[in-house]
Amino acid sequence: MTGRIHFTPEARQQLHELDEWISEKASTDVARRFVAAILDHIDGIVVFPLAGRSRDDIRPGMRTTTYNKRTVIAYEIDVSSGETVVNVLGVFHGGQQWEAVLGDDQPDQQDR
């Protein structure tokens, strides 16, 4: 199956912040391996985009999957072009309040 992945600016920032946080708490090497593993997990979404849990209750069309039990990846799927496009909305680690951030009633994610 062909497909591609798009990261929102917020998701890119969240990955960057997670990398920095792990680098401070452990090491740069550990951080890079963890973030690389998350990115590999996201790559797998293109193959099985419907494997994640539908979360229409929070935001229409949104799905979530977890990596390593503590990292939630929120995404949307677009197949309108015949190609699977995974739009990564956010990467939340360690109990962050992702439902509130991505809720449909939020006017803008930057207004947190």
C-alpha atoms as a PDB file:
ATOM      1  CA  MET A   1       0.000   0.000   0.000  1.00  0.00           C
ATOM      2  CA  THR A   2       1.288   3.410  -0.852  1.00  0.00           C
ATOM      3  CA  GLY A   3       1.030   6.207   1.585  1.00  0.00           C
ATOM      4  CA  ARG A   4       2.667   9.118   3.215  1.00  0.00           C
ATOM      5  CA  ILE A   5       2.794  10.764   6.584  1.00  0.00           C
ATOM      6  CA  HIS A   6       2.244  14.409   7.393  1.00  0.00           C
ATOM      7  CA  PHE A   7       3.051  15.888  10.805  1.00  0.00           C
ATOM      8  CA  THR A   8       1.268  18.975  12.055  1.00  0.00           C
ATOM      9  CA  PRO A   9       3.581  21.664  13.432  1.00  0.00           C
ATOM     10  CA  GLU A  10       2.274  20.802  16.920  1.00  0.00           C
ATOM     11  CA  ALA A  11       3.189  17.115  16.491  1.00  0.00           C
ATOM     12  CA  ARG A  12       6.687  18.047  15.285  1.00  0.00           C
ATOM     13  CA  GLN A  13       7.110  20.324  18.308  1.00  0.00           C
ATOM     14  CA  GLN A  14       5.904  17.603  20.666  1.00  0.00           C
ATOM     15  CA  LEU A  15       8.452  15.127  19.258  1.00  0.00           C
ATOM     16  CA  HIS A  16      11.180  17.745  19.621  1.00  0.00           C
ATOM     17  CA  GLU A  17      10.182  18.477  23.229  1.00  0.00           C
ATOM     18  CA  LEU A  18      10.062  14.760  24.043  1.00  0.00           C
ATOM     19  CA  ASP A  19      13.546  14.337  22.581  1.00  0.00           C
ATOM     20  CA  GLU A  20      14.856  17.222  24.691  1.00  0.00           C
ATOM     21  CA  TRP A  21      13.166  15.969  27.874  1.00  0.00           C
ATOM     22  CA  ILE A  22      14.561  12.440  27.518  1.00  0.00           C
ATOM     23  CA  SER A  23      17.992  13.850  26.651  1.00  0.00           C
ATOM     24  CA  GLU A  24      17.979  15.797  29.934  1.00  0.00           C
ATOM     25  CA  LYS A  25      16.688  12.879  32.029  1.00  0.00           C
ATOM     26  CA  ALA A  26      18.731  10.092  30.424  1.00  0.00           C
ATOM     27  CA  SER A  27      20.962  10.781  27.417  1.00  0.00           C
ATOM     28  CA  THR A  28      20.859  12.024  23.855  1.00  0.00           C
ATOM     29  CA  ASP A  29      21.368   8.484  22.585  1.00  0.00           C
ATOM     30  CA  VAL A  30      18.406   7.153  24.585  1.00  0.00           C
ATOM     31  CA  ALA A  31      16.241  10.055  23.419  1.00  0.00           C
ATOM     32  CA  ARG A  32      17.094   9.554  19.752  1.00  0.00           C
ATOM     33  CA  ARG A  33      16.387   5.811  19.938  1.00  0.00           C
ATOM     34  CA  PHE A  34      13.035   6.410  21.642  1.00  0.00           C
ATOM     35  CA  VAL A  35      11.916   9.068  19.163  1.00  0.00           C
ATOM     36  CA  ALA A  36      13.132   6.913  16.247  1.00  0.00           C
ATOM     37  CA  ALA A  37      11.057   4.014  17.594  1.00  0.00           C
ATOM     38  CA  ILE A  38       7.992   6.282  17.767  1.00  0.00           C
ATOM     39  CA  LEU A  39       8.595   7.350  14.158  1.00  0.00           C
ATOM     40  CA  ASP A  40       8.900   3.689  13.109  1.00  0.00           C
ATOM     41  CA  HIS A  41       5.603   2.997  14.869  1.00  0.00           C
ATOM     42  CA  ILE A  42       4.011   5.900  12.983  1.00  0.00           C
ATOM     43  CA  ASP A  43       5.378   4.505   9.694  1.00  0.00           C
ATOM     44  CA  GLY A  44       3.393   1.340  10.416  1.00  0.00           C
ATOM     45  CA  ILE A  45       0.147   3.304  10.552  1.00  0.00           C
ATOM     46  CA  VAL A  46       0.299   3.717   6.761  1.00  0.00           C
ATOM     47  CA  VAL A  47       0.136  -0.074   6.388  1.00  0.00           C
ATOM     48  CA  PHE A  48      -2.731  -0.566   8.855  1.00  0.00           C
ATOM     49  CA  PRO A  49      -4.388   2.858   9.219  1.00  0.00           C
ATOM     50  CA  LEU A  50      -7.601   1.524  10.744  1.00  0.00           C
ATOM     51  CA  ALA A  51      -5.784  -0.455  13.443  1.00  0.00           C
ATOM     52  CA  GLY A  52      -5.853   2.527  15.773  1.00  0.00           C
ATOM     53  CA  ARG A  53      -8.861   3.218  17.945  1.00  0.00           C
ATOM     54  CA  SER A  54     -11.513   5.531  16.530  1.00  0.00           C
ATOM     55  CA  ARG A  55     -11.942   8.582  18.765  1.00  0.00           C
ATOM     56  CA  ASP A  56     -14.845  10.355  17.093  1.00  0.00           C
ATOM     57  CA  ASP A  57     -16.033  11.149  20.616  1.00  0.00           C
ATOM     58  CA  ILE A  58     -13.153  13.610  20.945  1.00  0.00           C
ATOM     59  CA  ARG A  59     -12.702  14.781  17.366  1.00  0.00           C
ATOM     60  CA  PRO A  60     -14.495  13.510  14.239  1.00  0.00           C
ATOM     61  CA  GLY A  61     -12.235  11.306  12.112  1.00  0.00           C
ATOM     62  CA  MET A  62      -9.490  11.076  14.714  1.00  0.00           C
ATOM     63  CA  ARG A  63      -7.853   7.783  15.663  1.00  0.00           C
ATOM     64  CA  THR A  64      -5.268   6.976  18.326  1.00  0.00           C
ATOM     65  CA  THR A  65      -2.641   4.344  18.813  1.00  0.00           C
ATOM     66  CA  THR A  66      -0.121   3.873  21.575  1.00  0.00           C
ATOM     67  CA  TYR A  67       3.563   3.212  21.573  1.00  0.00           C
ATOM     68  CA  ASN A  68       5.159   1.472  24.538  1.00  0.00           C
ATOM     69  CA  LYS A  69       2.003   1.901  26.671  1.00  0.00           C
ATOM     70  CA  ARG A  70       2.745   5.537  27.616  1.00  0.00           C
ATOM     71  CA  THR A  71       2.868   7.431  24.328  1.00  0.00           C
ATOM     72  CA  VAL A  72      -0.382   8.298  22.542  1.00  0.00           C
ATOM     73  CA  ILE A  73      -0.250   9.132  18.851  1.00  0.00           C
ATOM     74  CA  ALA A  74      -3.327  10.925  17.519  1.00  0.00           C
ATOM     75  CA  TYR A  75      -3.917  10.946  13.779  1.00  0.00           C
ATOM     76  CA  GLU A  76      -6.394  11.281  10.951  1.00  0.00           C
ATOM     77  CA  ILE A  77      -6.522   9.295   7.718  1.00  0.00           C
ATOM     78  CA  ASP A  78      -7.240  10.689   4.260  1.00  0.00           C
ATOM     79  CA  VAL A  79      -7.663   8.262   1.352  1.00  0.00           C
ATOM     80  CA  SER A  80      -9.474  10.654  -0.980  1.00  0.00           C
ATOM     81  CA  SER A  81      -6.551  10.774  -3.423  1.00  0.00           C
ATOM     82  CA  GLY A  82      -6.267   6.978  -3.661  1.00  0.00           C
ATOM     83  CA  GLU A  83      -3.179   7.163  -1.482  1.00  0.00           C
ATOM     84  CA  THR A  84      -3.268   6.772   2.289  1.00  0.00           C
ATOM     85  CA  VAL A  85      -2.220  10.001   3.954  1.00  0.00           C
ATOM     86  CA  VAL A  86      -1.729   9.830   7.714  1.00  0.00           C
ATOM     87  CA  ASN A  87      -1.981  13.242   9.313  1.00  0.00           C
ATOM     88  CA  VAL A  88      -0.300  13.046  12.733  1.00  0.00           C
ATOM     89  CA  LEU A  89      -2.067  15.517  15.001  1.00  0.00           C
ATOM     90  CA  GLY A  90      -0.072  14.966  18.159  1.00  0.00           C
ATOM     91  CA  VAL A  91       2.340  12.803  20.127  1.00  0.00           C
ATOM     92  CA  PHE A  92       1.621  12.802  23.858  1.00  0.00           C
ATOM     93  CA  HIS A  93       3.759  11.047  26.444  1.00  0.00           C
ATOM     94  CA  GLY A  94       3.329  10.110  30.070  1.00  0.00           C
ATOM     95  CA  GLY A  95      -0.213  11.122  30.894  1.00  0.00           C
ATOM     96  CA  GLN A  96      -0.408  14.436  29.066  1.00  0.00           C
ATOM     97  CA  GLN A  97      -3.997  15.654  28.652  1.00  0.00           C
ATOM     98  CA  TRP A  98      -4.293  14.933  24.940  1.00  0.00           C
ATOM     99  CA  GLU A  99      -8.108  14.720  24.958  1.00  0.00           C
ATOM    100  CA  ALA A 100      -8.417  18.344  26.047  1.00  0.00           C
ATOM    101  CA  VAL A 101      -5.818  19.527  23.540  1.00  0.00           C
ATOM    102  CA  LEU A 102      -7.362  17.716  20.569  1.00  0.00           C
ATOM    103  CA  GLY A 103     -11.026  18.026  21.486  1.00  0.00           C
ATOM    104  CA  ASP A 104     -13.291  19.192  18.687  1.00  0.00           C
ATOM    105  CA  ASP A 105     -14.425  22.201  20.724  1.00  0.00           C
ATOM    106  CA  GLN A 106     -10.887  23.611  20.870  1.00  0.00           C
ATOM    107  CA  PRO A 107     -10.596  26.612  18.507  1.00  0.00           C
ATOM    108  CA  ASP A 108      -6.833  26.309  18.101  1.00  0.00           C
ATOM    109  CA  GLN A 109      -4.274  23.961  19.604  1.00  0.00           C
ATOM    110  CA  GLN A 110      -1.973  26.877  20.332  1.00  0.00           C
ATOM    111  CA  ASP A 111      -4.541  28.424  22.685  1.00  0.00           C
ATOM    112  CA  ARG A 112      -3.633  25.862  25.378  1.00  0.00           C
END
